[in-house]
N, C-alpha and C. Protein backbone atom coordinates (compact mmCIF):
# COMPACT_ATOMS: atom_id res chain seq x y z
N MET A 1 9.22 18.73 3.86
CA MET A 1 9.13 17.67 2.86
C MET A 1 8.00 17.99 1.88
N THR A 2 8.23 17.65 0.63
CA THR A 2 7.19 17.82 -0.38
C THR A 2 6.18 16.67 -0.26
N PRO A 3 4.98 16.84 -0.83
CA PRO A 3 4.03 15.72 -0.83
C PRO A 3 4.61 14.45 -1.45
N GLN A 4 5.38 14.58 -2.53
CA GLN A 4 5.97 13.39 -3.17
C GLN A 4 6.97 12.72 -2.24
N GLU A 5 7.76 13.51 -1.52
CA GLU A 5 8.71 12.94 -0.56
C GLU A 5 7.98 12.25 0.58
N GLN A 6 6.86 12.81 1.01
CA GLN A 6 6.07 12.18 2.07
C GLN A 6 5.46 10.87 1.59
N LYS A 7 4.98 10.85 0.34
CA LYS A 7 4.47 9.60 -0.22
C LYS A 7 5.57 8.56 -0.31
N SER A 8 6.75 8.98 -0.75
CA SER A 8 7.88 8.05 -0.87
C SER A 8 8.27 7.49 0.48
N LEU A 9 8.26 8.33 1.51
CA LEU A 9 8.58 7.87 2.86
C LEU A 9 7.61 6.79 3.30
N LEU A 10 6.32 7.03 3.10
CA LEU A 10 5.32 6.03 3.50
C LEU A 10 5.45 4.76 2.67
N VAL A 11 5.67 4.88 1.38
CA VAL A 11 5.85 3.69 0.53
C VAL A 11 7.05 2.88 1.01
N ASP A 12 8.14 3.54 1.35
CA ASP A 12 9.33 2.82 1.83
C ASP A 12 9.00 2.00 3.08
N VAL A 13 8.28 2.60 4.02
CA VAL A 13 7.90 1.88 5.24
C VAL A 13 6.98 0.70 4.90
N VAL A 14 6.01 0.93 4.05
CA VAL A 14 5.06 -0.12 3.66
C VAL A 14 5.77 -1.28 2.98
N VAL A 15 6.66 -0.99 2.04
CA VAL A 15 7.36 -2.05 1.30
C VAL A 15 8.27 -2.84 2.25
N GLN A 16 8.99 -2.17 3.13
CA GLN A 16 9.86 -2.88 4.08
C GLN A 16 9.05 -3.79 5.00
N PHE A 17 7.91 -3.28 5.49
CA PHE A 17 7.06 -4.10 6.35
C PHE A 17 6.49 -5.29 5.57
N ALA A 18 6.07 -5.05 4.34
CA ALA A 18 5.52 -6.13 3.51
C ALA A 18 6.57 -7.21 3.25
N MET A 19 7.80 -6.81 2.98
CA MET A 19 8.86 -7.80 2.74
C MET A 19 9.08 -8.65 4.00
N LYS A 20 9.08 -8.01 5.14
CA LYS A 20 9.24 -8.75 6.40
C LYS A 20 8.09 -9.74 6.58
N ARG A 21 6.87 -9.31 6.30
CA ARG A 21 5.71 -10.19 6.44
C ARG A 21 5.80 -11.37 5.47
N LEU A 22 6.22 -11.10 4.26
CA LEU A 22 6.35 -12.17 3.26
C LEU A 22 7.42 -13.18 3.68
N GLU A 23 8.50 -12.71 4.28
CA GLU A 23 9.61 -13.59 4.65
C GLU A 23 9.35 -14.36 5.94
N GLU A 24 8.64 -13.77 6.88
CA GLU A 24 8.54 -14.36 8.21
C GLU A 24 7.18 -14.90 8.61
N GLU A 25 6.14 -14.14 8.41
CA GLU A 25 4.87 -14.44 9.07
C GLU A 25 3.72 -14.79 8.14
N GLY A 26 3.91 -14.69 6.88
CA GLY A 26 2.77 -14.78 6.00
C GLY A 26 2.22 -13.39 5.77
N PHE A 27 1.33 -13.24 4.83
CA PHE A 27 0.96 -11.91 4.40
C PHE A 27 -0.55 -11.75 4.35
N TYR A 28 -1.04 -10.74 5.04
CA TYR A 28 -2.42 -10.26 4.89
C TYR A 28 -2.33 -8.83 4.39
N PRO A 29 -3.30 -8.38 3.61
CA PRO A 29 -3.29 -6.96 3.24
C PRO A 29 -3.27 -6.10 4.50
N PHE A 30 -2.59 -4.97 4.42
CA PHE A 30 -2.52 -4.07 5.58
C PHE A 30 -2.54 -2.63 5.09
N GLY A 31 -2.83 -1.72 6.01
CA GLY A 31 -2.87 -0.31 5.70
C GLY A 31 -1.87 0.46 6.54
N ALA A 32 -1.61 1.71 6.13
CA ALA A 32 -0.68 2.56 6.86
C ALA A 32 -1.04 4.02 6.60
N VAL A 33 -0.76 4.86 7.59
CA VAL A 33 -0.96 6.30 7.43
C VAL A 33 0.29 7.03 7.90
N LEU A 34 0.55 8.19 7.29
CA LEU A 34 1.66 9.04 7.68
C LEU A 34 1.09 10.31 8.28
N GLY A 35 1.54 10.63 9.50
CA GLY A 35 1.06 11.81 10.20
C GLY A 35 1.80 13.07 9.82
N THR A 36 1.27 14.17 10.27
CA THR A 36 1.86 15.47 9.99
C THR A 36 3.24 15.61 10.62
N LYS A 37 3.56 14.80 11.61
CA LYS A 37 4.87 14.83 12.27
C LYS A 37 5.77 13.68 11.80
N ARG A 38 5.47 13.14 10.62
CA ARG A 38 6.22 12.04 10.00
C ARG A 38 6.10 10.73 10.78
N ASN A 39 5.06 10.60 11.57
CA ASN A 39 4.80 9.36 12.31
C ASN A 39 3.96 8.43 11.44
N VAL A 40 4.32 7.15 11.46
CA VAL A 40 3.60 6.15 10.67
C VAL A 40 2.83 5.23 11.61
N GLN A 41 1.58 4.97 11.24
CA GLN A 41 0.77 4.01 11.98
C GLN A 41 0.36 2.91 11.02
N LEU A 42 0.59 1.66 11.42
CA LEU A 42 0.21 0.50 10.61
C LEU A 42 -1.10 -0.09 11.11
N PHE A 43 -1.90 -0.61 10.20
CA PHE A 43 -3.15 -1.30 10.53
C PHE A 43 -3.05 -2.71 9.95
N VAL A 44 -2.90 -3.69 10.82
CA VAL A 44 -2.70 -5.07 10.40
C VAL A 44 -3.83 -5.93 10.95
N PRO A 45 -4.65 -6.51 10.08
CA PRO A 45 -5.73 -7.37 10.57
C PRO A 45 -5.18 -8.69 11.12
N LYS A 46 -5.85 -9.24 12.10
CA LYS A 46 -5.44 -10.54 12.65
C LYS A 46 -5.85 -11.68 11.72
N LYS A 47 -6.93 -11.48 10.99
CA LYS A 47 -7.42 -12.48 10.03
C LYS A 47 -7.77 -11.78 8.74
N TRP A 48 -7.80 -12.56 7.67
CA TRP A 48 -8.20 -12.03 6.39
C TRP A 48 -8.82 -13.15 5.58
N LYS A 49 -9.87 -12.86 4.84
CA LYS A 49 -10.54 -13.85 3.99
C LYS A 49 -9.59 -14.26 2.87
N PRO A 50 -9.29 -15.56 2.77
CA PRO A 50 -8.39 -16.02 1.69
C PRO A 50 -8.99 -15.75 0.31
N ASN A 51 -8.15 -15.53 -0.65
CA ASN A 51 -8.54 -15.32 -2.05
C ASN A 51 -9.51 -14.15 -2.24
N SER A 52 -9.31 -13.09 -1.47
CA SER A 52 -10.13 -11.89 -1.63
C SER A 52 -9.88 -11.28 -3.00
N THR A 53 -10.92 -10.70 -3.58
CA THR A 53 -10.77 -10.03 -4.86
C THR A 53 -10.18 -8.65 -4.65
N ARG A 54 -9.69 -8.06 -5.72
CA ARG A 54 -9.15 -6.71 -5.61
C ARG A 54 -10.22 -5.74 -5.12
N ASP A 55 -11.45 -5.88 -5.62
CA ASP A 55 -12.54 -5.00 -5.17
C ASP A 55 -12.78 -5.12 -3.67
N GLU A 56 -12.74 -6.34 -3.14
CA GLU A 56 -12.94 -6.53 -1.70
C GLU A 56 -11.82 -5.88 -0.89
N VAL A 57 -10.58 -6.05 -1.34
CA VAL A 57 -9.43 -5.46 -0.65
C VAL A 57 -9.54 -3.93 -0.69
N GLU A 58 -9.80 -3.39 -1.87
CA GLU A 58 -9.89 -1.94 -2.00
C GLU A 58 -11.05 -1.37 -1.19
N ASP A 59 -12.22 -1.97 -1.29
CA ASP A 59 -13.38 -1.47 -0.54
C ASP A 59 -13.08 -1.41 0.95
N PHE A 60 -12.50 -2.49 1.50
CA PHE A 60 -12.20 -2.54 2.92
C PHE A 60 -11.21 -1.44 3.31
N TRP A 61 -10.08 -1.36 2.58
CA TRP A 61 -9.03 -0.42 2.98
C TRP A 61 -9.39 1.03 2.70
N PHE A 62 -10.12 1.30 1.62
CA PHE A 62 -10.55 2.68 1.39
C PHE A 62 -11.43 3.16 2.55
N LYS A 63 -12.39 2.34 2.98
CA LYS A 63 -13.26 2.71 4.10
C LYS A 63 -12.46 2.85 5.39
N GLU A 64 -11.61 1.88 5.68
CA GLU A 64 -10.83 1.88 6.92
C GLU A 64 -9.88 3.09 6.98
N LEU A 65 -9.22 3.38 5.89
CA LEU A 65 -8.27 4.49 5.88
C LEU A 65 -8.97 5.85 5.87
N ARG A 66 -10.14 5.94 5.24
CA ARG A 66 -10.92 7.18 5.33
C ARG A 66 -11.27 7.49 6.78
N LYS A 67 -11.69 6.45 7.53
CA LYS A 67 -12.02 6.66 8.94
C LYS A 67 -10.80 7.16 9.70
N ASN A 68 -9.65 6.60 9.43
CA ASN A 68 -8.45 6.93 10.19
C ASN A 68 -7.78 8.24 9.76
N THR A 69 -8.13 8.77 8.62
CA THR A 69 -7.56 10.04 8.18
C THR A 69 -8.52 11.21 8.35
N ALA A 70 -9.73 10.94 8.79
CA ALA A 70 -10.76 11.97 8.90
C ALA A 70 -10.38 13.10 9.85
N SER A 71 -9.55 12.84 10.84
CA SER A 71 -9.17 13.86 11.81
C SER A 71 -8.32 14.96 11.20
N GLY A 72 -7.71 14.71 10.07
CA GLY A 72 -6.82 15.68 9.45
C GLY A 72 -5.41 15.62 9.97
N ASP A 73 -5.12 14.71 10.91
CA ASP A 73 -3.77 14.58 11.46
C ASP A 73 -2.87 13.73 10.57
N TYR A 74 -3.43 13.14 9.54
CA TYR A 74 -2.66 12.29 8.64
C TYR A 74 -2.69 12.87 7.24
N ILE A 75 -1.53 12.85 6.59
CA ILE A 75 -1.40 13.50 5.29
C ILE A 75 -1.20 12.53 4.13
N ALA A 76 -0.92 11.27 4.45
CA ALA A 76 -0.76 10.27 3.41
C ALA A 76 -1.28 8.94 3.94
N ALA A 77 -1.81 8.13 3.04
CA ALA A 77 -2.35 6.82 3.42
C ALA A 77 -2.03 5.82 2.33
N SER A 78 -1.92 4.56 2.75
CA SER A 78 -1.53 3.50 1.81
C SER A 78 -2.11 2.17 2.27
N PHE A 79 -2.31 1.28 1.32
CA PHE A 79 -2.54 -0.11 1.67
C PHE A 79 -1.71 -0.98 0.74
N CYS A 80 -1.44 -2.19 1.20
CA CYS A 80 -0.59 -3.11 0.46
C CYS A 80 -1.24 -4.48 0.45
N ALA A 81 -1.20 -5.15 -0.69
CA ALA A 81 -1.75 -6.50 -0.82
C ALA A 81 -0.80 -7.35 -1.67
N ASP A 82 -0.76 -8.64 -1.36
CA ASP A 82 0.01 -9.61 -2.13
C ASP A 82 -0.88 -10.06 -3.28
N VAL A 83 -0.41 -9.90 -4.52
CA VAL A 83 -1.23 -10.21 -5.69
C VAL A 83 -0.45 -11.08 -6.66
N ARG A 84 -1.11 -11.55 -7.67
CA ARG A 84 -0.49 -12.27 -8.78
C ARG A 84 -0.86 -11.50 -10.05
N VAL A 85 0.15 -11.25 -10.88
CA VAL A 85 -0.08 -10.51 -12.12
C VAL A 85 0.43 -11.33 -13.30
N PRO A 86 -0.25 -11.20 -14.43
CA PRO A 86 0.18 -11.97 -15.60
C PRO A 86 1.41 -11.37 -16.27
N ARG A 87 2.32 -12.25 -16.68
CA ARG A 87 3.44 -11.86 -17.53
C ARG A 87 2.96 -11.91 -18.97
N ASN A 88 3.84 -11.56 -19.89
CA ASN A 88 3.47 -11.55 -21.31
C ASN A 88 2.94 -12.90 -21.78
N GLY A 89 3.51 -14.00 -21.30
CA GLY A 89 3.09 -15.32 -21.72
C GLY A 89 1.85 -15.83 -20.98
N GLY A 90 1.29 -15.02 -20.08
CA GLY A 90 0.12 -15.43 -19.33
C GLY A 90 0.43 -16.05 -17.98
N GLU A 91 1.71 -16.37 -17.73
CA GLU A 91 2.11 -16.94 -16.44
C GLU A 91 1.89 -15.90 -15.35
N LEU A 92 1.36 -16.33 -14.20
CA LEU A 92 1.14 -15.42 -13.08
C LEU A 92 2.38 -15.36 -12.20
N ILE A 93 2.80 -14.14 -11.87
CA ILE A 93 3.95 -13.96 -11.00
C ILE A 93 3.51 -13.18 -9.75
N PRO A 94 4.18 -13.40 -8.60
CA PRO A 94 3.82 -12.69 -7.38
C PRO A 94 4.28 -11.23 -7.42
N ALA A 95 3.47 -10.36 -6.81
CA ALA A 95 3.80 -8.94 -6.73
C ALA A 95 3.11 -8.34 -5.51
N MET A 96 3.63 -7.21 -5.07
CA MET A 96 2.97 -6.43 -4.03
C MET A 96 2.28 -5.25 -4.71
N LEU A 97 1.01 -5.08 -4.43
CA LEU A 97 0.26 -3.92 -4.89
C LEU A 97 0.28 -2.91 -3.76
N VAL A 98 0.78 -1.70 -4.02
CA VAL A 98 0.82 -0.63 -3.03
C VAL A 98 0.02 0.54 -3.57
N HIS A 99 -1.10 0.84 -2.90
CA HIS A 99 -1.88 2.02 -3.24
C HIS A 99 -1.42 3.13 -2.29
N ILE A 100 -1.12 4.31 -2.82
CA ILE A 100 -0.63 5.42 -2.00
C ILE A 100 -1.37 6.70 -2.40
N GLU A 101 -1.79 7.45 -1.37
CA GLU A 101 -2.45 8.74 -1.59
C GLU A 101 -1.88 9.78 -0.64
N HIS A 102 -1.93 11.02 -1.09
CA HIS A 102 -1.55 12.17 -0.26
C HIS A 102 -2.70 13.15 -0.28
N ALA A 103 -2.94 13.81 0.84
CA ALA A 103 -4.04 14.76 0.94
C ALA A 103 -3.89 15.92 -0.04
N ASP A 104 -2.66 16.29 -0.37
CA ASP A 104 -2.40 17.44 -1.23
C ASP A 104 -1.78 17.08 -2.57
N ALA A 105 -1.83 15.83 -2.95
CA ALA A 105 -1.19 15.41 -4.19
C ALA A 105 -1.99 14.27 -4.82
N SER A 106 -1.39 13.62 -5.79
CA SER A 106 -2.06 12.57 -6.55
C SER A 106 -2.10 11.24 -5.80
N ALA A 107 -2.88 10.34 -6.34
CA ALA A 107 -2.94 8.95 -5.86
C ALA A 107 -2.27 8.07 -6.91
N GLU A 108 -1.62 7.00 -6.43
CA GLU A 108 -0.93 6.10 -7.35
C GLU A 108 -1.08 4.66 -6.88
N ASP A 109 -1.03 3.75 -7.84
CA ASP A 109 -0.92 2.33 -7.57
C ASP A 109 0.46 1.89 -8.03
N GLY A 110 1.17 1.21 -7.14
CA GLY A 110 2.49 0.69 -7.48
C GLY A 110 2.46 -0.83 -7.46
N LEU A 111 3.14 -1.43 -8.39
CA LEU A 111 3.24 -2.88 -8.47
C LEU A 111 4.71 -3.25 -8.36
N TYR A 112 5.03 -4.05 -7.34
CA TYR A 112 6.40 -4.50 -7.08
C TYR A 112 6.46 -6.01 -7.31
N PRO A 113 6.94 -6.47 -8.48
CA PRO A 113 7.12 -7.92 -8.64
C PRO A 113 8.21 -8.39 -7.68
N TYR A 114 8.06 -9.63 -7.20
CA TYR A 114 9.08 -10.14 -6.30
C TYR A 114 9.31 -11.62 -6.52
N LEU A 115 10.48 -12.07 -6.06
CA LEU A 115 10.84 -13.49 -6.06
C LEU A 115 11.17 -13.87 -4.63
N LYS A 116 10.88 -15.11 -4.28
CA LYS A 116 11.18 -15.62 -2.95
C LYS A 116 12.07 -16.85 -3.13
N ASP A 117 13.25 -16.86 -2.49
CA ASP A 117 14.16 -17.98 -2.64
C ASP A 117 13.85 -19.11 -1.64
N GLU A 118 14.68 -20.15 -1.65
CA GLU A 118 14.46 -21.33 -0.79
C GLU A 118 14.48 -20.99 0.71
N GLN A 119 15.21 -19.93 1.07
CA GLN A 119 15.28 -19.52 2.48
C GLN A 119 14.23 -18.47 2.82
N SER A 120 13.26 -18.27 1.93
CA SER A 120 12.17 -17.30 2.08
C SER A 120 12.64 -15.85 1.99
N LYS A 121 13.84 -15.61 1.47
CA LYS A 121 14.33 -14.24 1.27
C LYS A 121 13.63 -13.65 0.05
N VAL A 122 13.10 -12.43 0.20
CA VAL A 122 12.36 -11.77 -0.87
C VAL A 122 13.27 -10.79 -1.60
N SER A 123 13.25 -10.85 -2.93
CA SER A 123 13.96 -9.90 -3.79
C SER A 123 12.93 -9.17 -4.63
N LEU A 124 12.99 -7.85 -4.59
CA LEU A 124 12.03 -7.05 -5.35
C LEU A 124 12.54 -6.76 -6.75
N GLY A 125 11.60 -6.78 -7.69
CA GLY A 125 11.90 -6.34 -9.05
C GLY A 125 11.65 -4.84 -9.15
N THR A 126 11.75 -4.32 -10.34
CA THR A 126 11.53 -2.89 -10.58
C THR A 126 10.04 -2.58 -10.47
N PRO A 127 9.68 -1.60 -9.60
CA PRO A 127 8.26 -1.27 -9.46
C PRO A 127 7.76 -0.44 -10.63
N THR A 128 6.46 -0.53 -10.84
CA THR A 128 5.77 0.27 -11.84
C THR A 128 4.66 1.03 -11.13
N PHE A 129 4.61 2.34 -11.30
CA PHE A 129 3.58 3.17 -10.68
C PHE A 129 2.73 3.82 -11.76
N VAL A 130 1.42 3.86 -11.51
CA VAL A 130 0.50 4.57 -12.39
C VAL A 130 -0.40 5.45 -11.53
N GLU A 131 -0.70 6.62 -12.05
CA GLU A 131 -1.59 7.52 -11.33
C GLU A 131 -3.01 6.95 -11.37
N THR A 132 -3.73 7.13 -10.27
CA THR A 132 -5.09 6.63 -10.17
C THR A 132 -5.95 7.66 -9.45
N ARG A 133 -7.23 7.40 -9.40
CA ARG A 133 -8.17 8.34 -8.77
C ARG A 133 -8.08 8.23 -7.25
N PRO A 134 -8.02 9.36 -6.54
CA PRO A 134 -8.01 9.30 -5.07
C PRO A 134 -9.30 8.69 -4.53
N GLN A 135 -9.18 7.85 -3.52
CA GLN A 135 -10.33 7.21 -2.88
C GLN A 135 -10.36 7.46 -1.38
N ILE A 136 -9.23 7.86 -0.82
CA ILE A 136 -9.15 8.07 0.63
C ILE A 136 -9.29 9.55 0.95
N PHE A 137 -8.46 10.37 0.31
CA PHE A 137 -8.54 11.82 0.45
C PHE A 137 -9.34 12.35 -0.73
N THR A 138 -10.64 12.37 -0.63
CA THR A 138 -11.47 12.73 -1.78
C THR A 138 -11.93 14.18 -1.73
N PHE A 139 -11.54 14.93 -0.71
CA PHE A 139 -11.90 16.35 -0.66
C PHE A 139 -10.84 17.14 -1.40
N SER A 140 -11.18 18.40 -1.73
CA SER A 140 -10.18 19.25 -2.37
C SER A 140 -9.71 20.28 -1.37
N GLY A 141 -8.54 20.79 -1.59
CA GLY A 141 -7.99 21.79 -0.70
C GLY A 141 -6.89 21.19 0.16
N PRO A 142 -6.06 22.07 0.72
CA PRO A 142 -4.91 21.59 1.49
C PRO A 142 -5.33 20.96 2.82
N SER A 143 -4.48 20.07 3.31
CA SER A 143 -4.72 19.47 4.62
C SER A 143 -4.20 20.40 5.69
N LYS A 144 -4.43 20.03 6.94
CA LYS A 144 -3.96 20.85 8.06
C LYS A 144 -2.46 20.88 8.12
């Protein structure tokens, strides 16, 4: 698998888990890592401070995921948070923020707008991804 395919695999797992959390249990930001053998490990906190800022979410998950990827057994890492983003008219809409990094490739932030119906079923809108600076895999050179 290419690094982009590995990132896509991890994003797919993260988005599916996030949708389940939004529909069933409520949502706290969570992290995930992809191993060299395509194994995924999720990190889900039992509690989370309500109304955390983006800086607080990023600081926590960058540190936590750096610790968990330090062994070199993981090649991609991600965290996901439930956010509100402004539309053109200023109205805030719900979205999932997915930060994804690969040890041998770029880092990206993805934004998935979503709607939740009366039965709590989540429908995703078209995601938007932008390249960003790596924060988890900050060394240069190939991974193991």
